[in-house]
C-alpha atoms as a PDB file:
ATOM      1  CA  MET A   1       2.651  15.809  27.202  1.00  0.00           C
ATOM      2  CA  ASP A   2       1.642  13.735  30.071  1.00  0.00           C
ATOM      3  CA  SER A   3       3.563  10.433  30.314  1.00  0.00           C
ATOM      4  CA  LYS A   4       0.800   7.950  29.928  1.00  0.00           C
ATOM      5  CA  ILE A   5       0.000   9.312  27.116  1.00  0.00           C
ATOM      6  CA  GLN A   6       3.593   9.537  25.709  1.00  0.00           C
ATOM      7  CA  ILE A   7       3.911   5.590  26.831  1.00  0.00           C
ATOM      8  CA  VAL A   8       1.003   5.109  24.650  1.00  0.00           C
ATOM      9  CA  SER A   9       2.002   6.739  21.800  1.00  0.00           C
ATOM     10  CA  ILE A  10       5.465   5.205  21.774  1.00  0.00           C
ATOM     11  CA  VAL A  11       4.164   1.668  22.226  1.00  0.00           C
ATOM     12  CA  GLY A  12       1.493   2.126  19.574  1.00  0.00           C
ATOM     13  CA  ALA A  13       4.050   3.501  17.021  1.00  0.00           C
ATOM     14  CA  ALA A  14       6.723   0.725  18.202  1.00  0.00           C
ATOM     15  CA  ILE A  15       4.048  -2.265  17.603  1.00  0.00           C
ATOM     16  CA  LEU A  16       3.062  -0.675  14.052  1.00  0.00           C
ATOM     17  CA  LEU A  17       6.621  -0.726  13.261  1.00  0.00           C
ATOM     18  CA  LEU A  18       7.194  -4.113  14.659  1.00  0.00           C
ATOM     19  CA  ALA A  19       3.892  -4.859  12.633  1.00  0.00           C
ATOM     20  CA  ILE A  20       5.619  -3.872   9.365  1.00  0.00           C
ATOM     21  CA  LEU A  21       8.468  -5.354   9.723  1.00  0.00           C
ATOM     22  CA  ASP A  22       6.863  -8.879  10.314  1.00  0.00           C
ATOM     23  CA  LEU A  23       4.637  -8.616   6.979  1.00  0.00           C
ATOM     24  CA  VAL A  24       7.627  -7.358   4.931  1.00  0.00           C
ATOM     25  CA  ARG A  25       9.318 -10.928   6.670  1.00  0.00           C
ATOM     26  CA  ARG A  26       6.854 -13.133   5.585  1.00  0.00           C
ATOM     27  CA  ARG A  27       6.768 -11.737   2.140  1.00  0.00           C
ATOM     28  CA  ARG A  28       2.960 -10.242   2.859  1.00  0.00           C
ATOM     29  CA  LEU A  29       3.855  -6.522   2.325  1.00  0.00           C
ATOM     30  CA  LEU A  30       6.240  -5.122  -0.708  1.00  0.00           C
ATOM     31  CA  GLU A  31       9.104  -3.554   0.124  1.00  0.00           C
ATOM     32  CA  ARG A  32       8.003  -0.399  -2.502  1.00  0.00           C
ATOM     33  CA  TYR A  33       5.154  -0.315   0.081  1.00  0.00           C
ATOM     34  CA  ALA A  34       6.848  -1.011   2.915  1.00  0.00           C
ATOM     35  CA  LEU A  35       9.040   1.610   2.701  1.00  0.00           C
ATOM     36  CA  LEU A  36       5.998   3.935   3.049  1.00  0.00           C
ATOM     37  CA  TRP A  37       4.738   2.736   6.187  1.00  0.00           C
ATOM     38  CA  LEU A  38       8.272   2.324   7.853  1.00  0.00           C
ATOM     39  CA  LEU A  39       8.895   6.100   6.783  1.00  0.00           C
ATOM     40  CA  ALA A  40       5.526   6.751   9.016  1.00  0.00           C
ATOM     41  CA  ALA A  41       5.732   4.543  11.636  1.00  0.00           C
ATOM     42  CA  VAL A  42       9.731   5.971  12.096  1.00  0.00           C
ATOM     43  CA  VAL A  43       8.344   9.527  12.055  1.00  0.00           C
ATOM     44  CA  VAL A  44       5.522   8.848  14.614  1.00  0.00           C
ATOM     45  CA  LEU A  45       7.903   6.875  16.687  1.00  0.00           C
ATOM     46  CA  GLY A  46      10.161   9.607  16.607  1.00  0.00           C
ATOM     47  CA  LEU A  47       7.686  12.174  17.520  1.00  0.00           C
ATOM     48  CA  ALA A  48       6.193  10.204  20.117  1.00  0.00           C
ATOM     49  CA  ILE A  49       9.442   9.794  21.915  1.00  0.00           C
ATOM     50  CA  TRP A  50      11.015  13.371  21.358  1.00  0.00           C
ATOM     51  CA  ARG A  51       8.664  15.628  23.780  1.00  0.00           C
ATOM     52  CA  ASP A  52      10.361  18.904  22.818  1.00  0.00           C
ATOM     53  CA  GLY A  53      10.001  18.306  18.741  1.00  0.00           C
ATOM     54  CA  LEU A  54       6.403  17.483  19.381  1.00  0.00           C
ATOM     55  CA  GLU A  55       5.788  20.457  21.454  1.00  0.00           C
ATOM     56  CA  GLU A  56       7.493  23.052  18.771  1.00  0.00           C
ATOM     57  CA  ILE A  57       5.636  21.473  15.833  1.00  0.00           C
ATOM     58  CA  ALA A  58       2.230  21.540  17.688  1.00  0.00           C
ATOM     59  CA  SER A  59       3.113  25.459  19.060  1.00  0.00           C
ATOM     60  CA  ALA A  60       4.159  26.159  15.143  1.00  0.00           C
ATOM     61  CA  VAL A  61       1.091  24.634  13.923  1.00  0.00           C
ATOM     62  CA  GLY A  62      -1.127  26.076  16.386  1.00  0.00           C
ATOM     63  CA  VAL A  63      -2.416  23.200  18.396  1.00  0.00           C
ATOM     64  CA  ALA A  64      -2.905  23.400  21.760  1.00  0.00           C
ATOM     65  CA  TYR A  65      -2.290  19.960  22.893  1.00  0.00           C
ATOM     66  CA  PRO A  66       1.268  18.293  21.729  1.00  0.00           C
ATOM     67  CA  PRO A  67      -0.621  14.446  21.312  1.00  0.00           C
ATOM     68  CA  ASN A  68      -2.817  16.108  18.983  1.00  0.00           C
ATOM     69  CA  ALA A  69      -0.357  17.271  17.068  1.00  0.00           C
ATOM     70  CA  LEU A  70       1.313  13.764  17.080  1.00  0.00           C
ATOM     71  CA  PHE A  71      -2.393  12.524  15.642  1.00  0.00           C
ATOM     72  CA  LEU A  72      -2.752  15.167  12.995  1.00  0.00           C
ATOM     73  CA  ILE A  73       0.914  13.910  11.364  1.00  0.00           C
ATOM     74  CA  ALA A  74      -0.151  10.429  11.737  1.00  0.00           C
ATOM     75  CA  PHE A  75      -3.645  11.455   9.864  1.00  0.00           C
ATOM     76  CA  GLY A  76      -1.588  13.361   7.224  1.00  0.00           C
ATOM     77  CA  PHE A  77       0.594  10.215   6.535  1.00  0.00           C
ATOM     78  CA  ILE A  78      -2.910   8.054   6.385  1.00  0.00           C
ATOM     79  CA  LEU A  79      -3.897  10.387   3.801  1.00  0.00           C
ATOM     80  CA  LEU A  80      -0.558  10.758   1.859  1.00  0.00           C
ATOM     81  CA  LEU A  81      -1.047   6.818   1.673  1.00  0.00           C
ATOM     82  CA  LEU A  82      -4.365   6.317   0.515  1.00  0.00           C
ATOM     83  CA  LEU A  83      -3.152   8.546  -2.239  1.00  0.00           C
ATOM     84  CA  HIS A  84      -0.258   6.890  -3.123  1.00  0.00           C
ATOM     85  CA  PHE A  85      -2.493   3.242  -2.923  1.00  0.00           C
ATOM     86  CA  SER A  86      -5.476   4.806  -5.022  1.00  0.00           C
ATOM     87  CA  THR A  87      -2.909   5.745  -7.788  1.00  0.00           C
ATOM     88  CA  ALA A  88      -1.525   2.056  -7.514  1.00  0.00           C
ATOM     89  CA  VAL A  89      -4.965   0.751  -7.430  1.00  0.00           C
ATOM     90  CA  SER A  90      -6.088   2.863 -10.588  1.00  0.00           C
ATOM     91  CA  LYS A  91      -2.990   1.666 -12.525  1.00  0.00           C
ATOM     92  CA  LEU A  92      -3.608  -1.889 -11.955  1.00  0.00           C
ATOM     93  CA  ALA A  93      -7.187  -1.468 -13.167  1.00  0.00           C
ATOM     94  CA  ASP A  94      -5.989  -0.447 -16.241  1.00  0.00           C
ATOM     95  CA  GLN A  95      -3.595  -3.113 -16.818  1.00  0.00           C
ATOM     96  CA  SER A  96      -6.451  -5.487 -15.953  1.00  0.00           C
ATOM     97  CA  LYS A  97      -8.527  -3.797 -18.525  1.00  0.00           C
ATOM     98  CA  ILE A  98      -5.995  -4.215 -21.325  1.00  0.00           C
ATOM     99  CA  LEU A  99      -5.442  -8.040 -20.208  1.00  0.00           C
ATOM    100  CA  ALA A 100      -8.781  -8.686 -20.574  1.00  0.00           C
ATOM    101  CA  GLN A 101      -9.001  -7.094 -24.005  1.00  0.00           C
ATOM    102  CA  ARG A 102      -5.807  -9.004 -25.197  1.00  0.00           C
ATOM    103  CA  GLN A 103      -7.418 -12.280 -23.840  1.00  0.00           C
ATOM    104  CA  ALA A 104     -10.859 -11.746 -25.726  1.00  0.00           C
ATOM    105  CA  LEU A 105      -8.425 -11.194 -29.097  1.00  0.00           C
ATOM    106  CA  LEU A 106      -6.885 -14.392 -28.132  1.00  0.00           C
ATOM    107  CA  GLU A 107      -9.654 -16.292 -27.914  1.00  0.00           C
ATOM    108  CA  GLU A 108     -11.344 -14.792 -30.937  1.00  0.00           C
ATOM    109  CA  ARG A 109      -8.502 -15.894 -32.673  1.00  0.00           C
ATOM    110  CA  LEU A 110      -9.083 -19.472 -31.722  1.00  0.00           C
ATOM    111  CA  ARG A 111     -12.362 -19.682 -32.547  1.00  0.00           C
ATOM    112  CA  GLU A 112     -11.788 -18.312 -35.806  1.00  0.00           C
ATOM    113  CA  ALA A 113      -8.938 -21.150 -35.737  1.00  0.00           C
ATOM    114  CA  GLU A 114     -11.637 -23.776 -34.945  1.00  0.00           C
ATOM    115  CA  GLU A 115     -13.955 -22.888 -37.805  1.00  0.00           C
ATOM    116  CA  LYS A 116     -10.946 -23.095 -40.084  1.00  0.00           C
ATOM    117  CA  LEU A 117      -9.795 -26.741 -38.667  1.00  0.00           C
ATOM    118  CA  GLY A 118     -13.257 -27.787 -38.103  1.00  0.00           C
ATOM    119  CA  ASP A 119     -12.028 -30.714 -36.581  1.00  0.00           C
ATOM    120  CA  PRO A 120     -11.539 -30.747 -32.825  1.00  0.00           C
ATOM    121  CA  GLU A 121      -8.680 -32.781 -32.720  1.00  0.00           C
ATOM    122  CA  LYS A 122      -7.175 -31.105 -35.438  1.00  0.00           C
ATOM    123  CA  VAL A 123      -7.372 -27.874 -33.180  1.00  0.00           C
ATOM    124  CA  GLU A 124      -5.358 -29.541 -30.227  1.00  0.00           C
ATOM    125  CA  GLU A 125      -2.839 -30.788 -32.691  1.00  0.00           C
ATOM    126  CA  TRP A 126      -2.408 -26.816 -33.838  1.00  0.00           C
ATOM    127  CA  GLN A 127      -2.542 -25.686 -30.738  1.00  0.00           C
ATOM    128  CA  THR A 128       0.713 -28.000 -29.802  1.00  0.00           C
ATOM    129  CA  THR A 129       2.733 -26.913 -32.517  1.00  0.00           C
END
């Protein structure tokens, strides 16, 4: 692998690793998601540093140019992360739907209580008890 490409790969992976650590430090990225990103960044950084390992992986996969194998591995990690985040978003969408349904039921109960009590001031008293 050309040393310029190796240096660029190392710098890029190190910047990604530092950015992930900074996001966790500022609490902008949850730890459970940060673990996936940290694993990906460490693997890419390790392969960028370890020339022989990257060349062995490239020849095993059938890639003629080892830096392309590095990008192929990074692309694979990105696909795995996208799959993980898609499942997380699906779960959150289901939870939002259930929450909206519960809120609608509570609003209906409140409306029924208002009709039974009739007086809005009594409704306020009833809500505080």
